[in-house]
C-alpha atoms as a PDB file:
ATOM      1  CA  MET A   1     126.219  82.541 127.110  1.00  0.00           C
ATOM      2  CA  MET A   2     123.350  80.437 128.456  1.00  0.00           C
ATOM      3  CA  SER A   3     122.150  77.952 125.848  1.00  0.00           C
ATOM      4  CA  VAL A   4     118.766  76.266 125.829  1.00  0.00           C
ATOM      5  CA  ALA A   5     119.582  73.719 123.119  1.00  0.00           C
ATOM      6  CA  GLU A   6     122.626  71.718 122.135  1.00  0.00           C
ATOM      7  CA  HIS A   7     124.147  72.203 118.661  1.00  0.00           C
ATOM      8  CA  GLU A   8     123.082  69.675 116.067  1.00  0.00           C
ATOM      9  CA  PRO A   9     123.494  69.759 112.252  1.00  0.00           C
ATOM     10  CA  VAL A  10     120.706  72.009 110.953  1.00  0.00           C
ATOM     11  CA  SER A  11     119.998  69.956 107.841  1.00  0.00           C
ATOM     12  CA  SER A  12     121.479  67.281 105.621  1.00  0.00           C
ATOM     13  CA  HIS A  13     120.244  69.319 102.627  1.00  0.00           C
ATOM     14  CA  PRO A  14     121.291  72.922 103.287  1.00  0.00           C
ATOM     15  CA  HIS A  15     118.716  75.578 102.448  1.00  0.00           C
ATOM     16  CA  GLU A  16     119.801  79.051 101.323  1.00  0.00           C
ATOM     17  CA  LEU A  17     119.060  80.268 104.847  1.00  0.00           C
ATOM     18  CA  ALA A  18     121.051  77.510 106.556  1.00  0.00           C
ATOM     19  CA  ARG A  19     123.924  78.616 108.790  1.00  0.00           C
ATOM     20  CA  LEU A  20     121.942  81.745 109.617  1.00  0.00           C
ATOM     21  CA  GLY A  21     122.601  83.590 112.860  1.00  0.00           C
ATOM     22  CA  VAL A  22     120.058  86.038 114.268  1.00  0.00           C
ATOM     23  CA  VAL A  23     120.820  88.547 117.018  1.00  0.00           C
ATOM     24  CA  LEU A  24     117.602  89.740 118.659  1.00  0.00           C
ATOM     25  CA  VAL A  25     118.393  92.999 120.452  1.00  0.00           C
ATOM     26  CA  ALA A  26     116.210  93.221 123.569  1.00  0.00           C
ATOM     27  CA  ALA A  27     118.461  95.022 126.057  1.00  0.00           C
ATOM     28  CA  GLY A  28     116.944  98.516 125.771  1.00  0.00           C
ATOM     29  CA  ARG A  29     115.293 100.053 128.823  1.00  0.00           C
ATOM     30  CA  GLY A  30     112.487 101.730 126.862  1.00  0.00           C
ATOM     31  CA  GLU A  31     112.197 104.896 128.953  1.00  0.00           C
ATOM     32  CA  ARG A  32     110.122 106.691 126.305  1.00  0.00           C
ATOM     33  CA  LEU A  33     107.510 103.948 126.428  1.00  0.00           C
ATOM     34  CA  GLY A  34     107.029 104.456 130.180  1.00  0.00           C
ATOM     35  CA  ALA A  35     105.961 100.844 130.784  1.00  0.00           C
ATOM     36  CA  GLY A  36     108.092 100.381 133.897  1.00  0.00           C
ATOM     37  CA  LYS A  37     109.968  97.485 132.275  1.00  0.00           C
ATOM     38  CA  PRO A  38     112.243  96.965 129.267  1.00  0.00           C
ATOM     39  CA  LYS A  39     109.984  97.232 126.231  1.00  0.00           C
ATOM     40  CA  ALA A  40     110.992  93.829 124.876  1.00  0.00           C
ATOM     41  CA  PHE A  41     109.115  92.379 127.880  1.00  0.00           C
ATOM     42  CA  VAL A  42     105.959  94.410 127.241  1.00  0.00           C
ATOM     43  CA  GLU A  43     103.020  92.299 126.115  1.00  0.00           C
ATOM     44  CA  LEU A  44     101.155  92.741 122.859  1.00  0.00           C
ATOM     45  CA  ALA A  45      97.911  90.745 122.810  1.00  0.00           C
ATOM     46  CA  GLY A  46      99.160  88.427 125.537  1.00  0.00           C
ATOM     47  CA  GLU A  47     102.684  87.783 124.256  1.00  0.00           C
ATOM     48  CA  THR A  48     105.890  89.637 124.998  1.00  0.00           C
ATOM     49  CA  LEU A  49     107.688  91.257 122.097  1.00  0.00           C
ATOM     50  CA  ILE A  50     110.504  88.733 122.575  1.00  0.00           C
ATOM     51  CA  GLU A  51     108.090  85.817 122.146  1.00  0.00           C
ATOM     52  CA  ARG A  52     106.535  87.299 119.022  1.00  0.00           C
ATOM     53  CA  CYS A  53     109.915  87.870 117.402  1.00  0.00           C
ATOM     54  CA  ALA A  54     111.226  84.447 118.421  1.00  0.00           C
ATOM     55  CA  ARG A  55     108.132  82.747 117.004  1.00  0.00           C
ATOM     56  CA  THR A  56     108.693  84.377 113.612  1.00  0.00           C
ATOM     57  CA  ILE A  57     112.442  83.761 113.531  1.00  0.00           C
ATOM     58  CA  THR A  58     112.186  80.086 114.486  1.00  0.00           C
ATOM     59  CA  SER A  59     109.653  79.596 111.691  1.00  0.00           C
ATOM     60  CA  LEU A  60     112.299  80.411 109.063  1.00  0.00           C
ATOM     61  CA  PRO A  61     113.268  77.391 106.955  1.00  0.00           C
ATOM     62  CA  GLY A  62     116.728  75.910 107.089  1.00  0.00           C
ATOM     63  CA  GLY A  63     117.336  76.596 110.757  1.00  0.00           C
ATOM     64  CA  GLY A  64     120.119  78.453 112.492  1.00  0.00           C
ATOM     65  CA  HIS A  65     120.910  80.038 115.826  1.00  0.00           C
ATOM     66  CA  LEU A  66     118.961  82.786 117.579  1.00  0.00           C
ATOM     67  CA  VAL A  67     120.687  84.667 120.384  1.00  0.00           C
ATOM     68  CA  VAL A  68     118.598  87.085 122.443  1.00  0.00           C
ATOM     69  CA  VAL A  69     120.501  89.964 124.047  1.00  0.00           C
ATOM     70  CA  VAL A  70     118.857  91.169 127.279  1.00  0.00           C
ATOM     71  CA  PRO A  71     119.725  92.951 130.528  1.00  0.00           C
ATOM     72  CA  GLU A  72     121.735  90.492 132.609  1.00  0.00           C
ATOM     73  CA  GLU A  73     119.186  90.380 135.430  1.00  0.00           C
ATOM     74  CA  LEU A  74     116.478  89.246 132.982  1.00  0.00           C
ATOM     75  CA  ALA A  75     118.433  86.362 131.449  1.00  0.00           C
ATOM     76  CA  GLY A  76     116.619  83.709 133.455  1.00  0.00           C
ATOM     77  CA  GLU A  77     113.194  85.124 132.621  1.00  0.00           C
ATOM     78  CA  THR A  78     114.151  85.216 128.961  1.00  0.00           C
ATOM     79  CA  LEU A  79     115.223  81.566 128.987  1.00  0.00           C
ATOM     80  CA  ALA A  80     111.814  80.660 130.388  1.00  0.00           C
ATOM     81  CA  LEU A  81     110.082  82.608 127.607  1.00  0.00           C
ATOM     82  CA  LEU A  82     112.170  80.861 124.943  1.00  0.00           C
ATOM     83  CA  ALA A  83     111.583  77.329 126.272  1.00  0.00           C
ATOM     84  CA  GLN A  84     108.423  76.991 124.160  1.00  0.00           C
ATOM     85  CA  PHE A  85     110.489  77.271 120.959  1.00  0.00           C
ATOM     86  CA  THR A  86     112.988  74.492 121.735  1.00  0.00           C
ATOM     87  CA  ASP A  87     111.075  71.338 120.825  1.00  0.00           C
ATOM     88  CA  ALA A  88     113.102  68.340 119.698  1.00  0.00           C
ATOM     89  CA  GLY A  89     112.180  68.722 116.032  1.00  0.00           C
ATOM     90  CA  SER A  90     113.285  72.327 115.719  1.00  0.00           C
ATOM     91  CA  LEU A  91     116.161  73.242 113.408  1.00  0.00           C
ATOM     92  CA  TRP A  92     116.829  76.298 115.548  1.00  0.00           C
ATOM     93  CA  GLU A  93     119.139  76.671 118.521  1.00  0.00           C
ATOM     94  CA  LEU A  94     118.401  79.425 121.028  1.00  0.00           C
ATOM     95  CA  SER A  95     120.567  81.155 123.609  1.00  0.00           C
ATOM     96  CA  VAL A  96     120.640  84.269 125.774  1.00  0.00           C
ATOM     97  CA  THR A  97     123.514  86.657 126.426  1.00  0.00           C
ATOM     98  CA  PRO A  98     123.737  89.864 128.524  1.00  0.00           C
ATOM     99  CA  GLY A  99     123.734  93.213 126.746  1.00  0.00           C
ATOM    100  CA  GLY A 100     126.117  96.167 126.940  1.00  0.00           C
ATOM    101  CA  ARG A 101     125.858  99.834 127.864  1.00  0.00           C
ATOM    102  CA  GLU A 102     125.065 100.933 124.296  1.00  0.00           C
ATOM    103  CA  ARG A 103     123.132  99.229 121.525  1.00  0.00           C
ATOM    104  CA  HIS A 104     126.232  98.602 119.409  1.00  0.00           C
ATOM    105  CA  GLU A 105     127.884  96.868 122.380  1.00  0.00           C
ATOM    106  CA  SER A 106     124.850  94.617 122.789  1.00  0.00           C
ATOM    107  CA  VAL A 107     124.992  93.666 119.120  1.00  0.00           C
ATOM    108  CA  ARG A 108     128.714  92.909 119.350  1.00  0.00           C
ATOM    109  CA  PHE A 109     128.095  90.649 122.357  1.00  0.00           C
ATOM    110  CA  GLY A 110     125.320  88.915 120.418  1.00  0.00           C
ATOM    111  CA  VAL A 111     127.527  88.324 117.378  1.00  0.00           C
ATOM    112  CA  ASP A 112     130.297  86.967 119.610  1.00  0.00           C
ATOM    113  CA  ALA A 113     127.796  84.524 121.138  1.00  0.00           C
ATOM    114  CA  LEU A 114     126.838  82.978 117.788  1.00  0.00           C
ATOM    115  CA  PRO A 115     128.370  79.620 116.817  1.00  0.00           C
ATOM    116  CA  GLU A 116     131.085  79.535 114.183  1.00  0.00           C
ATOM    117  CA  TYR A 117     128.793  78.041 111.539  1.00  0.00           C
ATOM    118  CA  ALA A 118     126.681  81.218 111.361  1.00  0.00           C
ATOM    119  CA  ASP A 119     128.199  82.962 108.335  1.00  0.00           C
ATOM    120  CA  VAL A 120     125.280  85.341 107.703  1.00  0.00           C
ATOM    121  CA  VAL A 121     123.950  87.434 110.577  1.00  0.00           C
ATOM    122  CA  LEU A 122     120.625  89.222 110.840  1.00  0.00           C
ATOM    123  CA  VAL A 123     120.295  91.856 113.562  1.00  0.00           C
ATOM    124  CA  HIS A 124     116.714  92.563 114.607  1.00  0.00           C
ATOM    125  CA  ASP A 125     115.143  94.882 117.160  1.00  0.00           C
ATOM    126  CA  ALA A 126     112.683  93.166 119.493  1.00  0.00           C
ATOM    127  CA  ALA A 127     110.774  96.466 119.350  1.00  0.00           C
ATOM    128  CA  ARG A 128     109.554  95.430 115.863  1.00  0.00           C
ATOM    129  CA  PRO A 129     107.424  92.434 116.923  1.00  0.00           C
ATOM    130  CA  LEU A 130     105.178  92.162 113.840  1.00  0.00           C
ATOM    131  CA  THR A 131     107.974  91.969 111.276  1.00  0.00           C
ATOM    132  CA  PRO A 132     106.928  89.207 108.854  1.00  0.00           C
ATOM    133  CA  ALA A 133     109.091  86.183 108.120  1.00  0.00           C
ATOM    134  CA  ALA A 134     109.197  87.226 104.466  1.00  0.00           C
ATOM    135  CA  LEU A 135     111.313  90.258 105.356  1.00  0.00           C
ATOM    136  CA  PHE A 136     113.855  88.130 107.225  1.00  0.00           C
ATOM    137  CA  GLU A 137     114.105  85.844 104.199  1.00  0.00           C
ATOM    138  CA  ARG A 138     114.332  88.766 101.771  1.00  0.00           C
ATOM    139  CA  VAL A 139     117.248  90.324 103.638  1.00  0.00           C
ATOM    140  CA  ALA A 140     119.106  87.044 104.195  1.00  0.00           C
ATOM    141  CA  THR A 141     118.715  85.994 100.573  1.00  0.00           C
ATOM    142  CA  GLU A 142     120.096  89.314  99.327  1.00  0.00           C
ATOM    143  CA  VAL A 143     123.082  89.102 101.687  1.00  0.00           C
ATOM    144  CA  ARG A 144     123.903  85.686 100.263  1.00  0.00           C
ATOM    145  CA  ARG A 145     123.393  86.860  96.682  1.00  0.00           C
ATOM    146  CA  THR A 146     125.548  89.996  96.971  1.00  0.00           C
ATOM    147  CA  ALA A 147     127.926  89.177  99.874  1.00  0.00           C
ATOM    148  CA  ALA A 148     127.119  92.727 101.004  1.00  0.00           C
ATOM    149  CA  SER A 149     125.349  94.385 103.928  1.00  0.00           C
ATOM    150  CA  VAL A 150     121.603  94.693 103.339  1.00  0.00           C
ATOM    151  CA  ILE A 151     118.923  96.692 105.152  1.00  0.00           C
ATOM    152  CA  PRO A 152     115.153  97.018 104.600  1.00  0.00           C
ATOM    153  CA  ALA A 153     113.901 100.504 103.784  1.00  0.00           C
ATOM    154  CA  LEU A 154     110.643 102.297 103.049  1.00  0.00           C
ATOM    155  CA  PRO A 155     110.257 105.515 101.051  1.00  0.00           C
ATOM    156  CA  VAL A 156     109.508 108.647 103.074  1.00  0.00           C
ATOM    157  CA  VAL A 157     105.964 109.792 102.285  1.00  0.00           C
ATOM    158  CA  ASP A 158     105.592 112.820 104.579  1.00  0.00           C
ATOM    159  CA  THR A 159     106.754 116.295 103.655  1.00  0.00           C
ATOM    160  CA  LEU A 160     109.951 117.041 105.574  1.00  0.00           C
ATOM    161  CA  LYS A 161     110.890 120.423 107.050  1.00  0.00           C
ATOM    162  CA  ARG A 162     114.153 121.566 108.587  1.00  0.00           C
ATOM    163  CA  VAL A 163     113.521 123.528 111.793  1.00  0.00           C
ATOM    164  CA  ASP A 164     115.679 125.255 114.399  1.00  0.00           C
ATOM    165  CA  ALA A 165     115.754 124.798 118.165  1.00  0.00           C
ATOM    166  CA  ASN A 166     112.744 127.113 118.508  1.00  0.00           C
ATOM    167  CA  GLY A 167     110.635 125.148 116.047  1.00  0.00           C
ATOM    168  CA  VAL A 168     110.866 127.744 113.283  1.00  0.00           C
ATOM    169  CA  VAL A 169     110.751 126.218 109.787  1.00  0.00           C
ATOM    170  CA  HIS A 170     113.741 127.132 107.617  1.00  0.00           C
ATOM    171  CA  GLU A 171     113.307 124.947 104.553  1.00  0.00           C
ATOM    172  CA  THR A 172     111.559 122.004 102.956  1.00  0.00           C
ATOM    173  CA  VAL A 173     113.832 118.984 102.573  1.00  0.00           C
ATOM    174  CA  ASP A 174     113.813 116.945  99.371  1.00  0.00           C
ATOM    175  CA  ARG A 175     112.472 113.550 100.410  1.00  0.00           C
ATOM    176  CA  ALA A 176     113.252 111.775  97.117  1.00  0.00           C
ATOM    177  CA  PRO A 177     116.672 110.409  98.204  1.00  0.00           C
ATOM    178  CA  LEU A 178     115.531 109.607 101.765  1.00  0.00           C
ATOM    179  CA  VAL A 179     114.277 106.321 103.187  1.00  0.00           C
ATOM    180  CA  ALA A 180     113.106 105.084 106.577  1.00  0.00           C
ATOM    181  CA  VAL A 181     115.252 102.151 107.690  1.00  0.00           C
ATOM    182  CA  GLN A 182     114.011  99.055 109.513  1.00  0.00           C
ATOM    183  CA  THR A 183     115.318  95.754 110.845  1.00  0.00           C
ATOM    184  CA  PRO A 184     116.296  92.961 110.371  1.00  0.00           C
ATOM    185  CA  GLN A 185     119.562  94.198 108.925  1.00  0.00           C
ATOM    186  CA  GLY A 186     121.741  91.528 107.341  1.00  0.00           C
ATOM    187  CA  PHE A 187     125.515  91.155 107.054  1.00  0.00           C
ATOM    188  CA  PRO A 188     128.241  88.674 106.204  1.00  0.00           C
ATOM    189  CA  ARG A 189     129.321  87.636 109.676  1.00  0.00           C
ATOM    190  CA  GLU A 190     133.029  88.473 109.257  1.00  0.00           C
ATOM    191  CA  LEU A 191     132.256  91.936 107.894  1.00  0.00           C
ATOM    192  CA  LEU A 192     129.913  92.825 110.764  1.00  0.00           C
ATOM    193  CA  ALA A 193     132.275  91.466 113.430  1.00  0.00           C
ATOM    194  CA  ALA A 194     135.223  93.379 111.978  1.00  0.00           C
ATOM    195  CA  ALA A 195     133.217  96.611 111.824  1.00  0.00           C
ATOM    196  CA  HIS A 196     132.193  96.286 115.485  1.00  0.00           C
ATOM    197  CA  ASP A 197     135.764  95.452 116.502  1.00  0.00           C
ATOM    198  CA  ARG A 198     136.972  98.568 114.696  1.00  0.00           C
ATOM    199  CA  LEU A 199     134.321 100.707 116.387  1.00  0.00           C
ATOM    200  CA  GLY A 200     135.425  99.415 119.786  1.00  0.00           C
ATOM    201  CA  SER A 201     139.112  99.991 119.091  1.00  0.00           C
ATOM    202  CA  VAL A 202     138.894 103.538 117.710  1.00  0.00           C
ATOM    203  CA  SER A 203     138.543 106.384 120.188  1.00  0.00           C
ATOM    204  CA  ALA A 204     135.506 108.476 119.298  1.00  0.00           C
ATOM    205  CA  PRO A 205     135.865 112.278 119.337  1.00  0.00           C
ATOM    206  CA  VAL A 206     134.431 113.992 122.406  1.00  0.00           C
ATOM    207  CA  GLY A 207     130.728 114.606 121.839  1.00  0.00           C
ATOM    208  CA  ALA A 208     130.525 112.197 118.902  1.00  0.00           C
ATOM    209  CA  GLU A 209     127.183 110.436 118.558  1.00  0.00           C
ATOM    210  CA  GLN A 210     126.929 106.674 118.915  1.00  0.00           C
ATOM    211  CA  PRO A 211     125.810 104.766 115.800  1.00  0.00           C
ATOM    212  CA  THR A 212     122.066 104.173 115.817  1.00  0.00           C
ATOM    213  CA  ASP A 213     122.079 100.992 113.750  1.00  0.00           C
ATOM    214  CA  ASP A 214     124.479  98.367 112.469  1.00  0.00           C
ATOM    215  CA  ALA A 215     124.424  99.703 108.937  1.00  0.00           C
ATOM    216  CA  GLU A 216     126.077 102.847 110.301  1.00  0.00           C
ATOM    217  CA  VAL A 217     128.667 100.744 112.137  1.00  0.00           C
ATOM    218  CA  VAL A 218     129.550  99.048 108.845  1.00  0.00           C
ATOM    219  CA  GLN A 219     129.607 102.341 106.928  1.00  0.00           C
ATOM    220  CA  ARG A 220     131.935 103.916 109.490  1.00  0.00           C
ATOM    221  CA  ALA A 221     134.286 101.021 108.785  1.00  0.00           C
ATOM    222  CA  GLY A 222     134.155 101.787 105.061  1.00  0.00           C
ATOM    223  CA  GLY A 223     131.579  99.211 104.044  1.00  0.00           C
ATOM    224  CA  THR A 224     128.811  99.531 101.455  1.00  0.00           C
ATOM    225  CA  VAL A 225     125.189  98.993 102.452  1.00  0.00           C
ATOM    226  CA  LEU A 226     122.394  97.991 100.041  1.00  0.00           C
ATOM    227  CA  THR A 227     118.625  98.220 100.541  1.00  0.00           C
ATOM    228  CA  VAL A 228     115.646  95.973  99.902  1.00  0.00           C
ATOM    229  CA  PRO A 229     111.964  96.918 100.222  1.00  0.00           C
ATOM    230  CA  GLY A 230     110.776  97.063 103.808  1.00  0.00           C
ATOM    231  CA  GLU A 231     107.404  96.200 105.322  1.00  0.00           C
ATOM    232  CA  ALA A 232     104.784  98.405 106.998  1.00  0.00           C
ATOM    233  CA  LEU A 233     104.281  95.655 109.599  1.00  0.00           C
ATOM    234  CA  ALA A 234     107.873  96.130 110.789  1.00  0.00           C
ATOM    235  CA  HIS A 235     106.758  99.212 112.736  1.00  0.00           C
ATOM    236  CA  LYS A 236     108.880 100.003 115.793  1.00  0.00           C
ATOM    237  CA  LEU A 237     107.486 100.329 119.302  1.00  0.00           C
ATOM    238  CA  THR A 238     108.849 103.513 120.881  1.00  0.00           C
ATOM    239  CA  THR A 239     105.960 105.409 122.507  1.00  0.00           C
ATOM    240  CA  PRO A 240     102.565 104.389 123.958  1.00  0.00           C
ATOM    241  CA  GLY A 241     100.973 105.501 120.686  1.00  0.00           C
ATOM    242  CA  ASP A 242     103.029 102.909 118.836  1.00  0.00           C
ATOM    243  CA  LEU A 243     101.613 100.193 121.068  1.00  0.00           C
ATOM    244  CA  THR A 244      98.100 101.204 120.001  1.00  0.00           C
ATOM    245  CA  LEU A 245      99.144 101.173 116.341  1.00  0.00           C
ATOM    246  CA  LEU A 246     100.810  97.759 116.618  1.00  0.00           C
ATOM    247  CA  LEU A 247      97.707  96.317 118.239  1.00  0.00           C
ATOM    248  CA  ALA A 248      95.580  97.713 115.408  1.00  0.00           C
ATOM    249  CA  LEU A 249      97.941  96.190 112.838  1.00  0.00           C
ATOM    250  CA  LEU A 250      97.798  92.866 114.661  1.00  0.00           C
ATOM    251  CA  ASN A 251      94.009  92.864 114.847  1.00  0.00           C
ATOM    252  CA  ALA A 252      93.797  93.759 111.162  1.00  0.00           C
ATOM    253  CA  GLN A 253      95.586  90.506 110.318  1.00  0.00           C
ATOM    254  CA  GLY A 254      92.753  88.484 111.772  1.00  0.00           C
ATOM    255  CA  PRO A 255      92.000  86.520 114.961  1.00  0.00           C
ATOM    256  CA  GLY A 256      94.470  83.765 114.080  1.00  0.00           C
ATOM    257  CA  THR A 257      97.380  86.106 114.788  1.00  0.00           C
ATOM    258  CA  GLN A 258      96.506  86.531 118.470  1.00  0.00           C
ATOM    259  CA  SER A 259      97.740  84.255 121.221  1.00  0.00           C
ATOM    260  CA  PRO A 260      95.411  81.541 122.494  1.00  0.00           C
ATOM    261  CA  GLY A 261      93.355  82.649 125.458  1.00  0.00           C
ATOM    262  CA  THR A 262      93.364  86.356 124.607  1.00  0.00           C
ATOM    263  CA  GLN A 263      90.464  88.441 123.419  1.00  0.00           C
ATOM    264  CA  ASP A 264      90.371  91.873 121.808  1.00  0.00           C
ATOM    265  CA  GLY A 265      94.086  92.364 122.331  1.00  0.00           C
ATOM    266  CA  ALA A 266      93.881  92.113 126.115  1.00  0.00           C
ATOM    267  CA  SER A 267      97.041  91.083 127.967  1.00  0.00           C
ATOM    268  CA  ARG A 268      97.014  87.796 129.770  1.00  0.00           C
END
């Protein structure tokens, strides 16, 4: 693990978010985006997704430790991006660690890289760069209140159809019990670490699908997962169309949300 700040006490008057650990998952290659680089390093209005996420996370009160999980060959570049968030007065420590072959491996490496004082862990996808600080606080507060795993979710508003491999519609699916899940997802640190250890120690059946989020990792280990209301701004960048939508959402927030020196969402 390559640290960019030494550990100091986060506060003499602990806030409810003190001792928070955040794992920012930025190791994906982003093939569907077609940007020619990992999508966490794509720029949105002049800032990489990593910078936008780090700016929000390090604004959270109480302080903590942010570890960014990236492809090993991009660790140095990531440290340079994070340098702007390591001023002497910050209550946040930042570090970088290499990712794994699968997302769940990258998360496990990120959790392992957190200091011992981080007893609540939020796992966030760098591909959700406009996620507001309020959602991080909402999830973390509920984890502390319930000592359970907590994920943000939005109700499904579209009509859902079940189709076959040929695209033929077979039935309409009841959307009432369904939600769309976002990040950050929050967990008691020991529970999340144990669930990832169990996943790594149990041989998966041939052809079994990998878990797509950490809530599923915890559920596979027998844990219960609760939900809190999500945010429309926590939209995930997956395709080029998402980049257009994120830029529109950013511009709708007003000129103060863009990086200095950029105009009309242009990259620097």
